[in-house]
C-alpha atoms as a PDB file:
ATOM      1  CA  MET A   1     112.413 103.046 116.134  1.00  0.00           C
ATOM      2  CA  LEU A   2     113.760 106.450 115.605  1.00  0.00           C
ATOM      3  CA  ALA A   3     115.069 106.440 118.747  1.00  0.00           C
ATOM      4  CA  ASP A   4     116.824 103.111 118.096  1.00  0.00           C
ATOM      5  CA  VAL A   5     118.627 104.637 114.987  1.00  0.00           C
ATOM      6  CA  ALA A   6     119.738 107.603 116.892  1.00  0.00           C
ATOM      7  CA  VAL A   7     121.110 105.458 119.510  1.00  0.00           C
ATOM      8  CA  ALA A   8     123.105 103.169 117.396  1.00  0.00           C
ATOM      9  CA  THR A   9     124.098 106.022 115.359  1.00  0.00           C
ATOM     10  CA  TRP A  10     125.606 107.586 118.633  1.00  0.00           C
ATOM     11  CA  GLN A  11     127.119 104.452 119.548  1.00  0.00           C
ATOM     12  CA  LEU A  12     128.712 103.858 116.195  1.00  0.00           C
ATOM     13  CA  TRP A  13     130.134 107.650 116.375  1.00  0.00           C
ATOM     14  CA  ARG A  14     131.429 107.353 119.880  1.00  0.00           C
ATOM     15  CA  SER A  15     133.118 103.785 119.365  1.00  0.00           C
ATOM     16  CA  GLN A  16     134.960 105.382 116.298  1.00  0.00           C
ATOM     17  CA  GLN A  17     136.162 108.290 118.907  1.00  0.00           C
ATOM     18  CA  GLN A  18     137.059 106.361 121.331  1.00  0.00           C
ATOM     19  CA  GLN A  19     139.304 103.704 118.717  1.00  0.00           C
ATOM     20  CA  GLU A  20     137.398 100.694 119.409  1.00  0.00           C
ATOM     21  CA  PRO A  21     137.406  97.846 117.323  1.00  0.00           C
ATOM     22  CA  PRO A  22     134.178  98.296 114.569  1.00  0.00           C
ATOM     23  CA  PRO A  23     131.232  96.761 115.099  1.00  0.00           C
ATOM     24  CA  LEU A  24     130.048  93.722 113.992  1.00  0.00           C
ATOM     25  CA  ALA A  25     128.412  93.718 110.357  1.00  0.00           C
ATOM     26  CA  ALA A  26     125.300  92.512 112.273  1.00  0.00           C
ATOM     27  CA  GLU A  27     125.205  95.694 113.835  1.00  0.00           C
ATOM     28  CA  GLY A  28     125.687  97.905 110.724  1.00  0.00           C
ATOM     29  CA  LEU A  29     123.076  95.762 109.102  1.00  0.00           C
ATOM     30  CA  LYS A  30     120.797  96.502 111.839  1.00  0.00           C
ATOM     31  CA  LEU A  31     121.168 100.020 111.526  1.00  0.00           C
ATOM     32  CA  VAL A  32     120.695  99.874 107.701  1.00  0.00           C
ATOM     33  CA  ILE A  33     117.504  97.970 108.134  1.00  0.00           C
ATOM     34  CA  ASP A  34     116.091 100.499 110.780  1.00  0.00           C
ATOM     35  CA  LEU A  35     117.193 103.528 108.494  1.00  0.00           C
ATOM     36  CA  ILE A  36     115.688 101.986 105.230  1.00  0.00           C
ATOM     37  CA  THR A  37     112.285 101.320 107.543  1.00  0.00           C
ATOM     38  CA  VAL A  38     112.192 104.930 108.793  1.00  0.00           C
ATOM     39  CA  VAL A  39     112.830 106.223 105.249  1.00  0.00           C
ATOM     40  CA  THR A  40     109.956 104.297 103.740  1.00  0.00           C
ATOM     41  CA  VAL A  41     107.259 105.000 106.186  1.00  0.00           C
ATOM     42  CA  VAL A  42     108.110 108.539 105.560  1.00  0.00           C
ATOM     43  CA  VAL A  43     108.078 108.212 101.824  1.00  0.00           C
ATOM     44  CA  PHE A  44     104.843 106.070 101.908  1.00  0.00           C
ATOM     45  CA  VAL A  45     102.961 108.592 104.201  1.00  0.00           C
ATOM     46  CA  ILE A  46     104.292 111.777 101.990  1.00  0.00           C
ATOM     47  CA  LEU A  47     103.143 109.989  98.851  1.00  0.00           C
ATOM     48  CA  ARG A  48      99.709 108.710 100.219  1.00  0.00           C
ATOM     49  CA  LEU A  49      98.727 112.241 101.929  1.00  0.00           C
ATOM     50  CA  PRO A  50      97.851 114.303  98.850  1.00  0.00           C
ATOM     51  CA  VAL A  51      95.425 111.091  97.324  1.00  0.00           C
ATOM     52  CA  GLN A  52      93.737 110.979 101.110  1.00  0.00           C
ATOM     53  CA  ILE A  53      93.135 114.747 100.891  1.00  0.00           C
ATOM     54  CA  ALA A  54      91.979 113.964  97.173  1.00  0.00           C
ATOM     55  CA  SER A  55      89.274 111.832  98.395  1.00  0.00           C
ATOM     56  CA  ALA A  56      87.833 113.734 101.255  1.00  0.00           C
ATOM     57  CA  SER A  57      87.030 116.077  99.088  1.00  0.00           C
ATOM     58  CA  GLU A  58      85.842 113.959  96.177  1.00  0.00           C
ATOM     59  CA  THR A  59      83.840 112.234  98.725  1.00  0.00           C
ATOM     60  CA  ASP A  60      82.767 115.622  99.781  1.00  0.00           C
ATOM     61  CA  ARG A  61      81.661 116.796  96.556  1.00  0.00           C
ATOM     62  CA  ILE A  62      79.426 113.503  96.074  1.00  0.00           C
ATOM     63  CA  LEU A  63      77.589 113.761  99.318  1.00  0.00           C
ATOM     64  CA  GLY A  64      76.830 117.254  98.282  1.00  0.00           C
ATOM     65  CA  GLU A  65      75.245 116.394  95.268  1.00  0.00           C
ATOM     66  CA  LEU A  66      73.725 113.773  97.644  1.00  0.00           C
ATOM     67  CA  SER A  67      72.088 116.251 100.022  1.00  0.00           C
ATOM     68  CA  SER A  68      70.988 119.063  97.274  1.00  0.00           C
ATOM     69  CA  ILE A  69      68.851 116.686  95.592  1.00  0.00           C
ATOM     70  CA  PRO A  70      65.455 118.628  95.684  1.00  0.00           C
ATOM     71  CA  TRP A  71      63.730 115.795  96.979  1.00  0.00           C
ATOM     72  CA  ALA A  72      60.505 118.262  97.973  1.00  0.00           C
ATOM     73  CA  SER A  73      60.103 119.870  94.492  1.00  0.00           C
ATOM     74  CA  THR A  74      57.338 119.127  92.370  1.00  0.00           C
ATOM     75  CA  THR A  75      58.967 121.033  89.450  1.00  0.00           C
ATOM     76  CA  LYS A  76      61.670 118.723  88.813  1.00  0.00           C
ATOM     77  CA  PRO A  77      60.609 114.975  87.739  1.00  0.00           C
ATOM     78  CA  LEU A  78      61.240 112.188  90.037  1.00  0.00           C
ATOM     79  CA  GLU A  79      63.127 110.519  87.309  1.00  0.00           C
ATOM     80  CA  ALA A  80      65.711 113.193  87.449  1.00  0.00           C
ATOM     81  CA  LYS A  81      66.008 112.770  91.124  1.00  0.00           C
ATOM     82  CA  LYS A  82      66.159 109.035  90.970  1.00  0.00           C
ATOM     83  CA  ASP A  83      69.250 109.453  88.473  1.00  0.00           C
ATOM     84  CA  VAL A  84      71.087 112.041  90.457  1.00  0.00           C
ATOM     85  CA  PHE A  85      70.758 109.827  93.707  1.00  0.00           C
ATOM     86  CA  PHE A  86      71.666 106.631  91.974  1.00  0.00           C
ATOM     87  CA  LYS A  87      74.563 108.467  90.212  1.00  0.00           C
ATOM     88  CA  SER A  88      76.078 109.512  93.204  1.00  0.00           C
ATOM     89  CA  ILE A  89      75.488 106.379  95.305  1.00  0.00           C
ATOM     90  CA  ASP A  90      77.378 104.743  92.230  1.00  0.00           C
ATOM     91  CA  ASP A  91      80.258 107.574  92.157  1.00  0.00           C
ATOM     92  CA  LEU A  92      80.460 106.963  96.427  1.00  0.00           C
ATOM     93  CA  LEU A  93      80.377 103.192  96.071  1.00  0.00           C
ATOM     94  CA  ALA A  94      83.287 103.494  93.393  1.00  0.00           C
ATOM     95  CA  ARG A  95      85.317 105.839  95.447  1.00  0.00           C
ATOM     96  CA  ILE A  96      84.974 103.500  98.514  1.00  0.00           C
ATOM     97  CA  ALA A  97      86.158 100.448  96.378  1.00  0.00           C
ATOM     98  CA  THR A  98      89.430 102.367  95.128  1.00  0.00           C
ATOM     99  CA  GLN A  99      90.064 103.142  98.563  1.00  0.00           C
ATOM    100  CA  GLU A 100      89.935  99.229  99.661  1.00  0.00           C
ATOM    101  CA  HIS A 101      92.286  98.310  96.837  1.00  0.00           C
ATOM    102  CA  LEU A 102      94.804 101.264  98.071  1.00  0.00           C
ATOM    103  CA  ASP A 103      94.545 100.292 101.686  1.00  0.00           C
END
């Protein structure tokens, strides 16, 4: 798509240099639509990238909590271990649901 925009822009500039009649309005409209599409995609990626990075660190934190549960410990009560486990699972499911709505 970027190549198409570049070629259309080059042809438009070249036609102006050669004193050719101006291009049809449809060609100009196509060029504007292509430019808007390219800009929209770039802006979307720029806006979503920090959200995805934050999501990865949040997921890493949740999985870290899950892996740090001391299941073999006899000093920590089983209820406390289960509470941490289910809270972490709820957080992870909420994170997955949020990502599904954003995508």
